[in-house]
Amino acid sequence: MGRLVQLELENFKSYRGHQVIGPFSSFTAVVGPNGAGKSNLMDAISFVLGVRSSHLRSTQLKDLVYRGRTVETRNGHVIDEAGDQHGRRAWVKAVYEDDNQRTINFQRTITVSGDSEYRINGRAVSLQTYNQALETQNILVKAKNFLVFQGD
């Protein structure tokens, strides 16, 4: 059976900049205190697997792009951590190892305008091709039996 090796995220939800989560030896649960980012991690996994935005606690895909926050400094100035949003995009890459220990990189990118792009091993592909590649690895996104969220 294949396994998720690690996740790479860039500007996805609360994850600012490039972040690497893992490597995972194997895992069955994500646990932590309130506010630790458990739900955003689950959203990242769902997003890279092609789940629609309505299932990611968001109404539009562009809402998944990190927008930063405003911070008040000691001297009372307010700064915007995100800076210029023009051209900002977010992506999540799942590094997956199949049964033959081959690495497959599944990546999904979203721009602030809401455009989505799918890549397998760095090559742009259609959503249909992306989903077929996931199904080849027995990752059945429509079955919704591989991720269980809090309250499910």
C-alpha atoms as a PDB file:
ATOM      1  CA  MET A   1       0.000   0.000   0.000  1.00  0.00           C
ATOM      2  CA  GLY A   2       1.299   3.469  -0.894  1.00  0.00           C
ATOM      3  CA  ARG A   3       1.827   6.206   1.654  1.00  0.00           C
ATOM      4  CA  LEU A   4       1.997   9.957   2.070  1.00  0.00           C
ATOM      5  CA  VAL A   5       5.668  10.858   2.606  1.00  0.00           C
ATOM      6  CA  GLN A   6       5.322  14.594   3.206  1.00  0.00           C
ATOM      7  CA  LEU A   7       3.368  17.703   2.339  1.00  0.00           C
ATOM      8  CA  GLU A   8       4.798  20.935   0.983  1.00  0.00           C
ATOM      9  CA  LEU A   9       2.670  24.061   1.188  1.00  0.00           C
ATOM     10  CA  GLU A  10       3.121  27.600   0.035  1.00  0.00           C
ATOM     11  CA  ASN A  11       0.838  30.436   1.165  1.00  0.00           C
ATOM     12  CA  PHE A  12      -2.003  28.026   1.851  1.00  0.00           C
ATOM     13  CA  LYS A  13      -4.544  29.276   4.402  1.00  0.00           C
ATOM     14  CA  SER A  14      -2.623  30.021   7.616  1.00  0.00           C
ATOM     15  CA  TYR A  15       0.703  28.678   6.290  1.00  0.00           C
ATOM     16  CA  ARG A  16       2.796  31.689   5.229  1.00  0.00           C
ATOM     17  CA  GLY A  17       5.573  31.102   2.708  1.00  0.00           C
ATOM     18  CA  HIS A  18       6.999  27.671   1.929  1.00  0.00           C
ATOM     19  CA  GLN A  19       6.427  25.022   4.602  1.00  0.00           C
ATOM     20  CA  VAL A  20       7.360  21.330   4.673  1.00  0.00           C
ATOM     21  CA  ILE A  21       5.303  19.027   6.877  1.00  0.00           C
ATOM     22  CA  GLY A  22       6.803  15.610   7.401  1.00  0.00           C
ATOM     23  CA  PRO A  23       8.354  13.326   6.552  1.00  0.00           C
ATOM     24  CA  PHE A  24       5.699  10.950   7.802  1.00  0.00           C
ATOM     25  CA  SER A  25       6.680   7.385   8.592  1.00  0.00           C
ATOM     26  CA  SER A  26       2.989   6.580   8.821  1.00  0.00           C
ATOM     27  CA  PHE A  27       0.144   8.304  10.561  1.00  0.00           C
ATOM     28  CA  THR A  28      -3.488   7.749  11.332  1.00  0.00           C
ATOM     29  CA  ALA A  29      -4.418  10.941  13.198  1.00  0.00           C
ATOM     30  CA  VAL A  30      -3.594  14.619  13.470  1.00  0.00           C
ATOM     31  CA  VAL A  31      -3.836  15.839  17.057  1.00  0.00           C
ATOM     32  CA  GLY A  32      -3.008  19.053  18.875  1.00  0.00           C
ATOM     33  CA  PRO A  33      -4.446  21.895  20.925  1.00  0.00           C
ATOM     34  CA  ASN A  34      -7.046  24.348  19.650  1.00  0.00           C
ATOM     35  CA  GLY A  35      -5.558  26.763  17.135  1.00  0.00           C
ATOM     36  CA  ALA A  36      -2.617  24.504  16.247  1.00  0.00           C
ATOM     37  CA  GLY A  37      -3.674  24.172  12.586  1.00  0.00           C
ATOM     38  CA  LYS A  38      -5.102  20.651  12.548  1.00  0.00           C
ATOM     39  CA  SER A  39      -8.054  21.615  10.366  1.00  0.00           C
ATOM     40  CA  ASN A  40      -5.863  23.614   7.975  1.00  0.00           C
ATOM     41  CA  LEU A  41      -3.580  20.585   7.585  1.00  0.00           C
ATOM     42  CA  MET A  42      -6.593  18.412   6.787  1.00  0.00           C
ATOM     43  CA  ASP A  43      -7.784  21.086   4.336  1.00  0.00           C
ATOM     44  CA  ALA A  44      -4.339  21.026   2.673  1.00  0.00           C
ATOM     45  CA  ILE A  45      -4.523  17.262   2.199  1.00  0.00           C
ATOM     46  CA  SER A  46      -8.073  17.534   0.852  1.00  0.00           C
ATOM     47  CA  PHE A  47      -7.121  20.436  -1.433  1.00  0.00           C
ATOM     48  CA  VAL A  48      -4.188  18.625  -3.053  1.00  0.00           C
ATOM     49  CA  LEU A  49      -6.463  15.644  -3.650  1.00  0.00           C
ATOM     50  CA  GLY A  50      -8.824  17.857  -5.658  1.00  0.00           C
ATOM     51  CA  VAL A  51     -11.637  18.321  -3.148  1.00  0.00           C
ATOM     52  CA  ARG A  52     -13.891  21.288  -3.980  1.00  0.00           C
ATOM     53  CA  SER A  53     -13.665  24.520  -1.968  1.00  0.00           C
ATOM     54  CA  SER A  54     -17.142  24.070  -0.482  1.00  0.00           C
ATOM     55  CA  HIS A  55     -15.773  21.030   1.382  1.00  0.00           C
ATOM     56  CA  LEU A  56     -12.751  22.986   2.661  1.00  0.00           C
ATOM     57  CA  ARG A  57     -14.518  25.406   5.001  1.00  0.00           C
ATOM     58  CA  SER A  58     -14.318  28.056   2.291  1.00  0.00           C
ATOM     59  CA  THR A  59     -16.792  29.436  -0.210  1.00  0.00           C
ATOM     60  CA  GLN A  60     -14.255  30.250  -2.939  1.00  0.00           C
ATOM     61  CA  LEU A  61     -10.878  28.771  -3.804  1.00  0.00           C
ATOM     62  CA  LYS A  62      -9.217  32.187  -3.722  1.00  0.00           C
ATOM     63  CA  ASP A  63     -10.017  32.334   0.007  1.00  0.00           C
ATOM     64  CA  LEU A  64      -7.456  29.547   0.510  1.00  0.00           C
ATOM     65  CA  VAL A  65      -4.556  31.841  -0.471  1.00  0.00           C
ATOM     66  CA  TYR A  66      -2.712  33.181   2.578  1.00  0.00           C
ATOM     67  CA  ARG A  67      -3.746  36.796   3.018  1.00  0.00           C
ATOM     68  CA  GLY A  68      -1.660  37.611   6.041  1.00  0.00           C
ATOM     69  CA  ARG A  69      -2.845  39.623   8.944  1.00  0.00           C
ATOM     70  CA  THR A  70      -2.449  43.114  10.174  1.00  0.00           C
ATOM     71  CA  VAL A  71      -0.171  43.562  13.140  1.00  0.00           C
ATOM     72  CA  GLU A  72       0.144  46.556  15.429  1.00  0.00           C
ATOM     73  CA  THR A  73       3.757  47.302  16.337  1.00  0.00           C
ATOM     74  CA  ARG A  74       4.987  48.610  19.697  1.00  0.00           C
ATOM     75  CA  ASN A  75       4.957  52.178  18.440  1.00  0.00           C
ATOM     76  CA  GLY A  76       1.327  51.893  17.294  1.00  0.00           C
ATOM     77  CA  HIS A  77       1.935  51.454  13.550  1.00  0.00           C
ATOM     78  CA  VAL A  78      -0.146  48.863  11.742  1.00  0.00           C
ATOM     79  CA  ILE A  79       1.588  46.708   9.151  1.00  0.00           C
ATOM     80  CA  ASP A  80       0.216  44.159   6.720  1.00  0.00           C
ATOM     81  CA  GLU A  81       2.248  40.939   6.896  1.00  0.00           C
ATOM     82  CA  ALA A  82       1.105  39.725   3.486  1.00  0.00           C
ATOM     83  CA  GLY A  83       2.192  42.801   1.556  1.00  0.00           C
ATOM     84  CA  ASP A  84       1.144  43.090  -2.072  1.00  0.00           C
ATOM     85  CA  GLN A  85      -1.429  40.446  -3.028  1.00  0.00           C
ATOM     86  CA  HIS A  86      -0.913  40.901  -6.789  1.00  0.00           C
ATOM     87  CA  GLY A  87       0.218  37.606  -8.294  1.00  0.00           C
ATOM     88  CA  ARG A  88      -0.088  35.770  -4.979  1.00  0.00           C
ATOM     89  CA  ARG A  89      -0.811  32.096  -5.276  1.00  0.00           C
ATOM     90  CA  ALA A  90      -0.951  29.089  -3.008  1.00  0.00           C
ATOM     91  CA  TRP A  91      -0.063  25.503  -3.640  1.00  0.00           C
ATOM     92  CA  VAL A  92       0.053  22.186  -1.877  1.00  0.00           C
ATOM     93  CA  LYS A  93       2.217  19.284  -2.969  1.00  0.00           C
ATOM     94  CA  ALA A  94       1.699  15.741  -1.691  1.00  0.00           C
ATOM     95  CA  VAL A  95       4.826  13.623  -1.974  1.00  0.00           C
ATOM     96  CA  TYR A  96       3.478  10.107  -2.318  1.00  0.00           C
ATOM     97  CA  GLU A  97       5.333   6.806  -2.418  1.00  0.00           C
ATOM     98  CA  ASP A  98       3.613   3.982  -4.300  1.00  0.00           C
ATOM     99  CA  ASP A  99       3.802   0.236  -3.668  1.00  0.00           C
ATOM    100  CA  ASN A 100       7.044   0.012  -5.686  1.00  0.00           C
ATOM    101  CA  GLN A 101       8.710   2.815  -3.667  1.00  0.00           C
ATOM    102  CA  ARG A 102       8.373   5.223  -6.621  1.00  0.00           C
ATOM    103  CA  THR A 103       7.778   8.844  -5.644  1.00  0.00           C
ATOM    104  CA  ILE A 104       4.857  10.684  -7.232  1.00  0.00           C
ATOM    105  CA  ASN A 105       4.361  14.410  -6.635  1.00  0.00           C
ATOM    106  CA  PHE A 106       0.757  15.572  -6.783  1.00  0.00           C
ATOM    107  CA  GLN A 107       0.473  19.362  -6.747  1.00  0.00           C
ATOM    108  CA  ARG A 108      -2.465  21.731  -6.899  1.00  0.00           C
ATOM    109  CA  THR A 109      -2.079  25.496  -7.248  1.00  0.00           C
ATOM    110  CA  ILE A 110      -4.619  28.277  -6.759  1.00  0.00           C
ATOM    111  CA  THR A 111      -4.293  31.982  -7.555  1.00  0.00           C
ATOM    112  CA  VAL A 112      -6.054  34.895  -5.845  1.00  0.00           C
ATOM    113  CA  SER A 113      -8.294  35.113  -8.913  1.00  0.00           C
ATOM    114  CA  GLY A 114      -9.483  31.560  -8.205  1.00  0.00           C
ATOM    115  CA  ASP A 115      -7.736  29.729 -11.056  1.00  0.00           C
ATOM    116  CA  SER A 116      -6.653  26.187 -10.242  1.00  0.00           C
ATOM    117  CA  GLU A 117      -3.833  24.156 -11.796  1.00  0.00           C
ATOM    118  CA  TYR A 118      -2.951  20.487 -11.339  1.00  0.00           C
ATOM    119  CA  ARG A 119       0.511  18.949 -11.723  1.00  0.00           C
ATOM    120  CA  ILE A 120       1.888  15.440 -11.511  1.00  0.00           C
ATOM    121  CA  ASN A 121       5.659  15.262 -11.106  1.00  0.00           C
ATOM    122  CA  GLY A 122       5.909  18.888 -12.216  1.00  0.00           C
ATOM    123  CA  ARG A 123       3.894  18.428 -15.427  1.00  0.00           C
ATOM    124  CA  ALA A 124       0.614  20.344 -15.827  1.00  0.00           C
ATOM    125  CA  VAL A 125      -2.344  18.020 -16.382  1.00  0.00           C
ATOM    126  CA  SER A 126      -6.130  18.266 -16.591  1.00  0.00           C
ATOM    127  CA  LEU A 127      -8.304  17.627 -13.552  1.00  0.00           C
ATOM    128  CA  GLN A 128      -9.509  14.419 -15.196  1.00  0.00           C
ATOM    129  CA  THR A 129      -5.943  13.135 -15.686  1.00  0.00           C
ATOM    130  CA  TYR A 130      -5.079  14.160 -12.121  1.00  0.00           C
ATOM    131  CA  ASN A 131      -8.051  12.267 -10.692  1.00  0.00           C
ATOM    132  CA  GLN A 132      -7.254   9.203 -12.811  1.00  0.00           C
ATOM    133  CA  ALA A 133      -3.686   9.182 -11.466  1.00  0.00           C
ATOM    134  CA  LEU A 134      -5.020   9.347  -7.900  1.00  0.00           C
ATOM    135  CA  GLU A 135      -7.440   6.508  -8.614  1.00  0.00           C
ATOM    136  CA  THR A 136      -4.577   4.442 -10.047  1.00  0.00           C
ATOM    137  CA  GLN A 137      -3.031   4.699  -6.565  1.00  0.00           C
ATOM    138  CA  ASN A 138      -6.391   3.652  -5.000  1.00  0.00           C
ATOM    139  CA  ILE A 139      -6.971   7.162  -3.654  1.00  0.00           C
ATOM    140  CA  LEU A 140     -10.683   7.504  -4.223  1.00  0.00           C
ATOM    141  CA  VAL A 141     -11.503  11.116  -3.435  1.00  0.00           C
ATOM    142  CA  LYS A 142     -15.233  10.727  -4.084  1.00  0.00           C
ATOM    143  CA  ALA A 143     -15.463   7.832  -1.610  1.00  0.00           C
ATOM    144  CA  LYS A 144     -14.490  10.175   1.251  1.00  0.00           C
ATOM    145  CA  ASN A 145     -13.214   7.248   3.273  1.00  0.00           C
ATOM    146  CA  PHE A 146      -9.594   8.309   3.634  1.00  0.00           C
ATOM    147  CA  LEU A 147     -10.000  11.500   5.693  1.00  0.00           C
ATOM    148  CA  VAL A 148     -12.251  11.826   8.704  1.00  0.00           C
ATOM    149  CA  PHE A 149     -12.716  15.326  10.057  1.00  0.00           C
ATOM    150  CA  GLN A 150     -13.657  16.395  13.550  1.00  0.00           C
ATOM    151  CA  GLY A 151     -17.377  15.961  13.937  1.00  0.00           C
ATOM    152  CA  ASP A 152     -17.703  13.416  11.083  1.00  0.00           C
END
